[in-house]
Amino acid sequence: MNRPAVFLDRDGTLMEEVGYCNDPARVRVYDGVPEALQRLKSAGFLTILVTNQSGIGRGLITEEQYRAVQEELLRQLGPGTIDDSYFCPDVPEALSCNRKPEPGMLLQAAAEYGLDLPRSFLVGDKSADIECGKRVGARTVLVLTGYGAEQQCQPDFVAPNFPAAVGWILSPQTVKTNVK
């Protein structure tokens, strides 16, 4: 298939960062995110959520709480806006091939969906997100929501928020320079 994807961090990128979100009532999607996701879908991108969830590994939230939060997020984003979701419950100290910045979740999605990683993007609010995208050859966008303003990294683009990140991804100049 060789389709491009936009890999998406969750907390601080698509929804407000609240620290180990364990309650669906705390899910607040940032303004413009559902519409921006629809723009990506209309342009032919798969949208794949990849999120570190060390709160599970730390015993701060259960996998059931994570799934309830995820279900509420997907409800607020709207049907069909996210093609798939991957999460890593490992703590930072664990030897893990899936915990960002390690690229395991992206590689798994690429194998399952036949993705063209050099034509794909990763959008996130942490340097671990940016490093993860770079490790698979994807283009990277740091959003300044969540922890973004505090990060020291070298993304391909810095955006004030997710809708602005999508604007850059879909801009004619970016599309032109991303064709392989």
C-alpha atoms as a PDB file:
ATOM      1  CA  MET A   1       0.000   0.000   0.000  1.00  0.00           C
ATOM      2  CA  ASN A   2       2.831   2.423   0.901  1.00  0.00           C
ATOM      3  CA  ARG A   3       0.571   5.158   2.250  1.00  0.00           C
ATOM      4  CA  PRO A   4       1.906   7.949   4.406  1.00  0.00           C
ATOM      5  CA  ALA A   5       0.683   8.392   7.956  1.00  0.00           C
ATOM      6  CA  VAL A   6       0.656  11.108  10.541  1.00  0.00           C
ATOM      7  CA  PHE A   7       1.653   9.636  13.893  1.00  0.00           C
ATOM      8  CA  LEU A   8       0.120  11.541  16.766  1.00  0.00           C
ATOM      9  CA  ASP A   9       1.095  11.899  20.375  1.00  0.00           C
ATOM     10  CA  ARG A  10      -1.976  12.122  22.641  1.00  0.00           C
ATOM     11  CA  ASP A  11      -1.523  14.070  25.886  1.00  0.00           C
ATOM     12  CA  GLY A  12      -0.378  17.635  25.303  1.00  0.00           C
ATOM     13  CA  THR A  13      -0.797  17.292  21.526  1.00  0.00           C
ATOM     14  CA  LEU A  14      -4.432  16.383  20.814  1.00  0.00           C
ATOM     15  CA  MET A  15      -5.813  16.873  24.335  1.00  0.00           C
ATOM     16  CA  GLU A  16      -4.831  18.912  27.348  1.00  0.00           C
ATOM     17  CA  GLU A  17      -2.002  17.500  29.438  1.00  0.00           C
ATOM     18  CA  VAL A  18      -3.404  16.695  32.892  1.00  0.00           C
ATOM     19  CA  GLY A  19      -0.764  14.284  34.185  1.00  0.00           C
ATOM     20  CA  TYR A  20      -1.631  10.577  34.139  1.00  0.00           C
ATOM     21  CA  CYS A  21      -5.185  11.108  32.958  1.00  0.00           C
ATOM     22  CA  ASN A  22      -7.308   8.418  34.609  1.00  0.00           C
ATOM     23  CA  ASP A  23     -10.784   9.908  34.285  1.00  0.00           C
ATOM     24  CA  PRO A  24     -12.685  10.442  31.024  1.00  0.00           C
ATOM     25  CA  ALA A  25     -14.240  13.586  32.534  1.00  0.00           C
ATOM     26  CA  ARG A  26     -10.758  15.196  32.383  1.00  0.00           C
ATOM     27  CA  VAL A  27     -10.412  14.770  28.604  1.00  0.00           C
ATOM     28  CA  ARG A  28     -10.364  18.157  26.884  1.00  0.00           C
ATOM     29  CA  VAL A  29      -9.546  18.099  23.180  1.00  0.00           C
ATOM     30  CA  TYR A  30      -7.761  21.230  21.996  1.00  0.00           C
ATOM     31  CA  ASP A  31      -9.725  23.587  19.754  1.00  0.00           C
ATOM     32  CA  GLY A  32      -9.608  22.727  16.071  1.00  0.00           C
ATOM     33  CA  VAL A  33      -8.181  19.224  16.495  1.00  0.00           C
ATOM     34  CA  PRO A  34     -11.164  17.249  15.100  1.00  0.00           C
ATOM     35  CA  GLU A  35     -11.302  19.468  12.008  1.00  0.00           C
ATOM     36  CA  ALA A  36      -7.527  19.225  11.519  1.00  0.00           C
ATOM     37  CA  LEU A  37      -7.707  15.436  11.705  1.00  0.00           C
ATOM     38  CA  GLN A  38     -10.437  15.475   9.052  1.00  0.00           C
ATOM     39  CA  ARG A  39      -8.161  17.556   6.813  1.00  0.00           C
ATOM     40  CA  LEU A  40      -5.414  14.926   7.136  1.00  0.00           C
ATOM     41  CA  LYS A  41      -7.875  12.144   6.343  1.00  0.00           C
ATOM     42  CA  SER A  42      -9.177  14.042   3.287  1.00  0.00           C
ATOM     43  CA  ALA A  43      -5.581  14.416   2.069  1.00  0.00           C
ATOM     44  CA  GLY A  44      -5.093  10.637   2.214  1.00  0.00           C
ATOM     45  CA  PHE A  45      -3.069  10.261   5.397  1.00  0.00           C
ATOM     46  CA  LEU A  46      -3.649   7.504   7.901  1.00  0.00           C
ATOM     47  CA  THR A  47      -3.827   8.953  11.416  1.00  0.00           C
ATOM     48  CA  ILE A  48      -2.226   6.764  14.060  1.00  0.00           C
ATOM     49  CA  LEU A  49      -2.014   7.599  17.728  1.00  0.00           C
ATOM     50  CA  VAL A  50       1.202   6.524  19.507  1.00  0.00           C
ATOM     51  CA  THR A  51       1.342   7.292  23.204  1.00  0.00           C
ATOM     52  CA  ASN A  52       3.585   6.514  26.155  1.00  0.00           C
ATOM     53  CA  GLN A  53       1.415   5.656  29.157  1.00  0.00           C
ATOM     54  CA  SER A  54       3.896   5.027  31.969  1.00  0.00           C
ATOM     55  CA  GLY A  55       1.147   5.709  34.513  1.00  0.00           C
ATOM     56  CA  ILE A  56       0.066   2.118  33.875  1.00  0.00           C
ATOM     57  CA  GLY A  57       3.549   0.755  34.548  1.00  0.00           C
ATOM     58  CA  ARG A  58       3.882   2.972  37.622  1.00  0.00           C
ATOM     59  CA  GLY A  59       0.580   1.694  39.019  1.00  0.00           C
ATOM     60  CA  LEU A  60      -0.983   5.168  38.920  1.00  0.00           C
ATOM     61  CA  ILE A  61      -3.698   4.232  36.444  1.00  0.00           C
ATOM     62  CA  THR A  62      -5.105   0.923  35.297  1.00  0.00           C
ATOM     63  CA  GLU A  63      -5.311  -0.265  31.724  1.00  0.00           C
ATOM     64  CA  GLU A  64      -9.101  -0.050  32.075  1.00  0.00           C
ATOM     65  CA  GLN A  65      -8.820   3.639  33.054  1.00  0.00           C
ATOM     66  CA  TYR A  66      -6.527   4.252  30.090  1.00  0.00           C
ATOM     67  CA  ARG A  67      -9.068   2.605  27.770  1.00  0.00           C
ATOM     68  CA  ALA A  68     -11.947   4.664  29.226  1.00  0.00           C
ATOM     69  CA  VAL A  69      -9.964   7.888  28.662  1.00  0.00           C
ATOM     70  CA  GLN A  70      -9.065   6.748  25.154  1.00  0.00           C
ATOM     71  CA  GLU A  71     -12.708   5.976  24.361  1.00  0.00           C
ATOM     72  CA  GLU A  72     -13.744   9.465  25.482  1.00  0.00           C
ATOM     73  CA  LEU A  73     -10.964  11.039  23.430  1.00  0.00           C
ATOM     74  CA  LEU A  74     -12.097   9.150  20.326  1.00  0.00           C
ATOM     75  CA  ARG A  75     -15.708  10.194  20.996  1.00  0.00           C
ATOM     76  CA  GLN A  76     -14.703  13.858  21.199  1.00  0.00           C
ATOM     77  CA  LEU A  77     -12.539  13.612  18.080  1.00  0.00           C
ATOM     78  CA  GLY A  78     -15.369  12.089  16.075  1.00  0.00           C
ATOM     79  CA  PRO A  79     -15.860   8.843  14.181  1.00  0.00           C
ATOM     80  CA  GLY A  80     -13.182   7.849  11.709  1.00  0.00           C
ATOM     81  CA  THR A  81     -10.648  10.526  12.675  1.00  0.00           C
ATOM     82  CA  ILE A  82      -8.121   8.056  14.150  1.00  0.00           C
ATOM     83  CA  ASP A  83      -7.260   4.923  12.179  1.00  0.00           C
ATOM     84  CA  ASP A  84      -5.502   3.092  15.002  1.00  0.00           C
ATOM     85  CA  SER A  85      -3.945   3.595  18.421  1.00  0.00           C
ATOM     86  CA  TYR A  86      -0.862   2.117  20.050  1.00  0.00           C
ATOM     87  CA  PHE A  87       0.209   2.648  23.632  1.00  0.00           C
ATOM     88  CA  CYS A  88       3.256   1.708  25.669  1.00  0.00           C
ATOM     89  CA  PRO A  89       2.747   1.175  29.426  1.00  0.00           C
ATOM     90  CA  ASP A  90       6.475   0.879  30.180  1.00  0.00           C
ATOM     91  CA  VAL A  91       8.195   3.136  32.716  1.00  0.00           C
ATOM     92  CA  PRO A  92      11.142   5.230  31.504  1.00  0.00           C
ATOM     93  CA  GLU A  93      13.683   2.995  33.273  1.00  0.00           C
ATOM     94  CA  ALA A  94      12.441  -0.181  31.550  1.00  0.00           C
ATOM     95  CA  LEU A  95      14.271  -1.692  28.630  1.00  0.00           C
ATOM     96  CA  SER A  96      11.587  -1.111  25.987  1.00  0.00           C
ATOM     97  CA  CYS A  97      11.570  -1.065  22.205  1.00  0.00           C
ATOM     98  CA  ASN A  98       8.127   0.605  22.201  1.00  0.00           C
ATOM     99  CA  ARG A  99       8.507   3.504  24.627  1.00  0.00           C
ATOM    100  CA  LYS A 100       9.202   6.679  22.675  1.00  0.00           C
ATOM    101  CA  PRO A 101      11.863   7.700  21.667  1.00  0.00           C
ATOM    102  CA  GLU A 102      12.233   4.043  20.659  1.00  0.00           C
ATOM    103  CA  PRO A 103      10.354   3.475  17.390  1.00  0.00           C
ATOM    104  CA  GLY A 104       8.639   0.149  18.116  1.00  0.00           C
ATOM    105  CA  MET A 105       5.065   1.450  17.922  1.00  0.00           C
ATOM    106  CA  LEU A 106       5.749   3.203  14.611  1.00  0.00           C
ATOM    107  CA  LEU A 107       7.473   0.161  13.148  1.00  0.00           C
ATOM    108  CA  GLN A 108       4.590  -2.075  14.205  1.00  0.00           C
ATOM    109  CA  ALA A 109       2.067   0.273  12.567  1.00  0.00           C
ATOM    110  CA  ALA A 110       4.238   0.498   9.436  1.00  0.00           C
ATOM    111  CA  ALA A 111       4.325  -3.303   9.149  1.00  0.00           C
ATOM    112  CA  GLU A 112       0.595  -3.685   9.779  1.00  0.00           C
ATOM    113  CA  TYR A 113      -0.494  -0.938   7.375  1.00  0.00           C
ATOM    114  CA  GLY A 114       2.281  -0.959   4.766  1.00  0.00           C
ATOM    115  CA  LEU A 115       3.251   2.624   5.575  1.00  0.00           C
ATOM    116  CA  ASP A 116       5.758   4.749   3.730  1.00  0.00           C
ATOM    117  CA  LEU A 117       7.716   6.112   6.698  1.00  0.00           C
ATOM    118  CA  PRO A 118       9.825   8.679   4.773  1.00  0.00           C
ATOM    119  CA  ARG A 119       6.557  10.273   3.560  1.00  0.00           C
ATOM    120  CA  SER A 120       5.067  10.172   7.063  1.00  0.00           C
ATOM    121  CA  PHE A 121       5.077  12.662   9.926  1.00  0.00           C
ATOM    122  CA  LEU A 122       5.122  12.539  13.710  1.00  0.00           C
ATOM    123  CA  VAL A 123       3.491  15.339  15.715  1.00  0.00           C
ATOM    124  CA  GLY A 124       4.145  15.615  19.443  1.00  0.00           C
ATOM    125  CA  ASP A 125       4.929  17.888  22.363  1.00  0.00           C
ATOM    126  CA  LYS A 126       8.085  16.204  23.713  1.00  0.00           C
ATOM    127  CA  SER A 127      11.627  15.660  22.467  1.00  0.00           C
ATOM    128  CA  ALA A 128      11.035  11.895  22.810  1.00  0.00           C
ATOM    129  CA  ASP A 129       8.300  12.227  20.161  1.00  0.00           C
ATOM    130  CA  ILE A 130      10.599  14.119  17.814  1.00  0.00           C
ATOM    131  CA  GLU A 131      13.463  11.654  18.293  1.00  0.00           C
ATOM    132  CA  CYS A 132      11.095   8.723  17.682  1.00  0.00           C
ATOM    133  CA  GLY A 133       9.962  10.176  14.360  1.00  0.00           C
ATOM    134  CA  LYS A 134      13.516  10.880  13.288  1.00  0.00           C
ATOM    135  CA  ARG A 135      14.568   7.290  14.062  1.00  0.00           C
ATOM    136  CA  VAL A 136      12.203   5.985  11.373  1.00  0.00           C
ATOM    137  CA  GLY A 137      12.946   8.742   8.856  1.00  0.00           C
ATOM    138  CA  ALA A 138       9.618  10.560   9.287  1.00  0.00           C
ATOM    139  CA  ARG A 139       9.325  14.345   9.301  1.00  0.00           C
ATOM    140  CA  THR A 140       8.639  15.796  12.729  1.00  0.00           C
ATOM    141  CA  VAL A 141       6.562  18.624  14.166  1.00  0.00           C
ATOM    142  CA  LEU A 142       6.848  19.896  17.732  1.00  0.00           C
ATOM    143  CA  VAL A 143       3.681  21.559  19.014  1.00  0.00           C
ATOM    144  CA  LEU A 144       4.037  24.188  21.724  1.00  0.00           C
ATOM    145  CA  THR A 145       1.009  22.922  23.632  1.00  0.00           C
ATOM    146  CA  GLY A 146       1.527  20.511  26.545  1.00  0.00           C
ATOM    147  CA  TYR A 147       5.254  20.365  27.305  1.00  0.00           C
ATOM    148  CA  GLY A 148       6.302  21.645  23.881  1.00  0.00           C
ATOM    149  CA  ALA A 149       7.592  25.071  24.926  1.00  0.00           C
ATOM    150  CA  GLU A 150      10.011  23.434  27.411  1.00  0.00           C
ATOM    151  CA  GLN A 151      11.643  21.034  24.946  1.00  0.00           C
ATOM    152  CA  GLN A 152      15.145  21.199  23.512  1.00  0.00           C
ATOM    153  CA  CYS A 153      15.081  19.327  20.197  1.00  0.00           C
ATOM    154  CA  GLN A 154      15.406  19.813  16.463  1.00  0.00           C
ATOM    155  CA  PRO A 155      12.063  19.102  14.764  1.00  0.00           C
ATOM    156  CA  ASP A 156      11.483  19.807  11.104  1.00  0.00           C
ATOM    157  CA  PHE A 157       8.845  22.362  12.118  1.00  0.00           C
ATOM    158  CA  VAL A 158       7.575  24.027  15.294  1.00  0.00           C
ATOM    159  CA  ALA A 159       3.856  24.829  15.456  1.00  0.00           C
ATOM    160  CA  PRO A 160       1.888  26.674  18.121  1.00  0.00           C
ATOM    161  CA  ASN A 161      -0.749  23.911  18.120  1.00  0.00           C
ATOM    162  CA  PHE A 162      -1.985  20.843  16.258  1.00  0.00           C
ATOM    163  CA  PRO A 163      -4.135  22.659  13.662  1.00  0.00           C
ATOM    164  CA  ALA A 164      -1.083  24.773  12.719  1.00  0.00           C
ATOM    165  CA  ALA A 165       1.011  21.592  12.478  1.00  0.00           C
ATOM    166  CA  VAL A 166      -1.529  20.138  10.049  1.00  0.00           C
ATOM    167  CA  GLY A 167      -1.459  23.376   8.045  1.00  0.00           C
ATOM    168  CA  TRP A 168       2.299  22.940   7.615  1.00  0.00           C
ATOM    169  CA  ILE A 169       2.017  19.222   6.774  1.00  0.00           C
ATOM    170  CA  LEU A 170      -0.571  19.976   4.082  1.00  0.00           C
ATOM    171  CA  SER A 171       1.118  23.088   2.706  1.00  0.00           C
ATOM    172  CA  PRO A 172       2.155  22.812  -0.957  1.00  0.00           C
ATOM    173  CA  GLN A 173       5.804  23.443  -0.084  1.00  0.00           C
ATOM    174  CA  THR A 174       5.908  20.627   2.493  1.00  0.00           C
ATOM    175  CA  VAL A 175       4.061  18.190   0.229  1.00  0.00           C
ATOM    176  CA  LYS A 176       6.406  19.054  -2.659  1.00  0.00           C
ATOM    177  CA  THR A 177       9.574  18.517  -0.597  1.00  0.00           C
ATOM    178  CA  ASN A 178       8.205  15.307   0.917  1.00  0.00           C
ATOM    179  CA  VAL A 179       7.580  13.473  -2.358  1.00  0.00           C
ATOM    180  CA  LYS A 180       9.966  10.556  -2.850  1.00  0.00           C
END
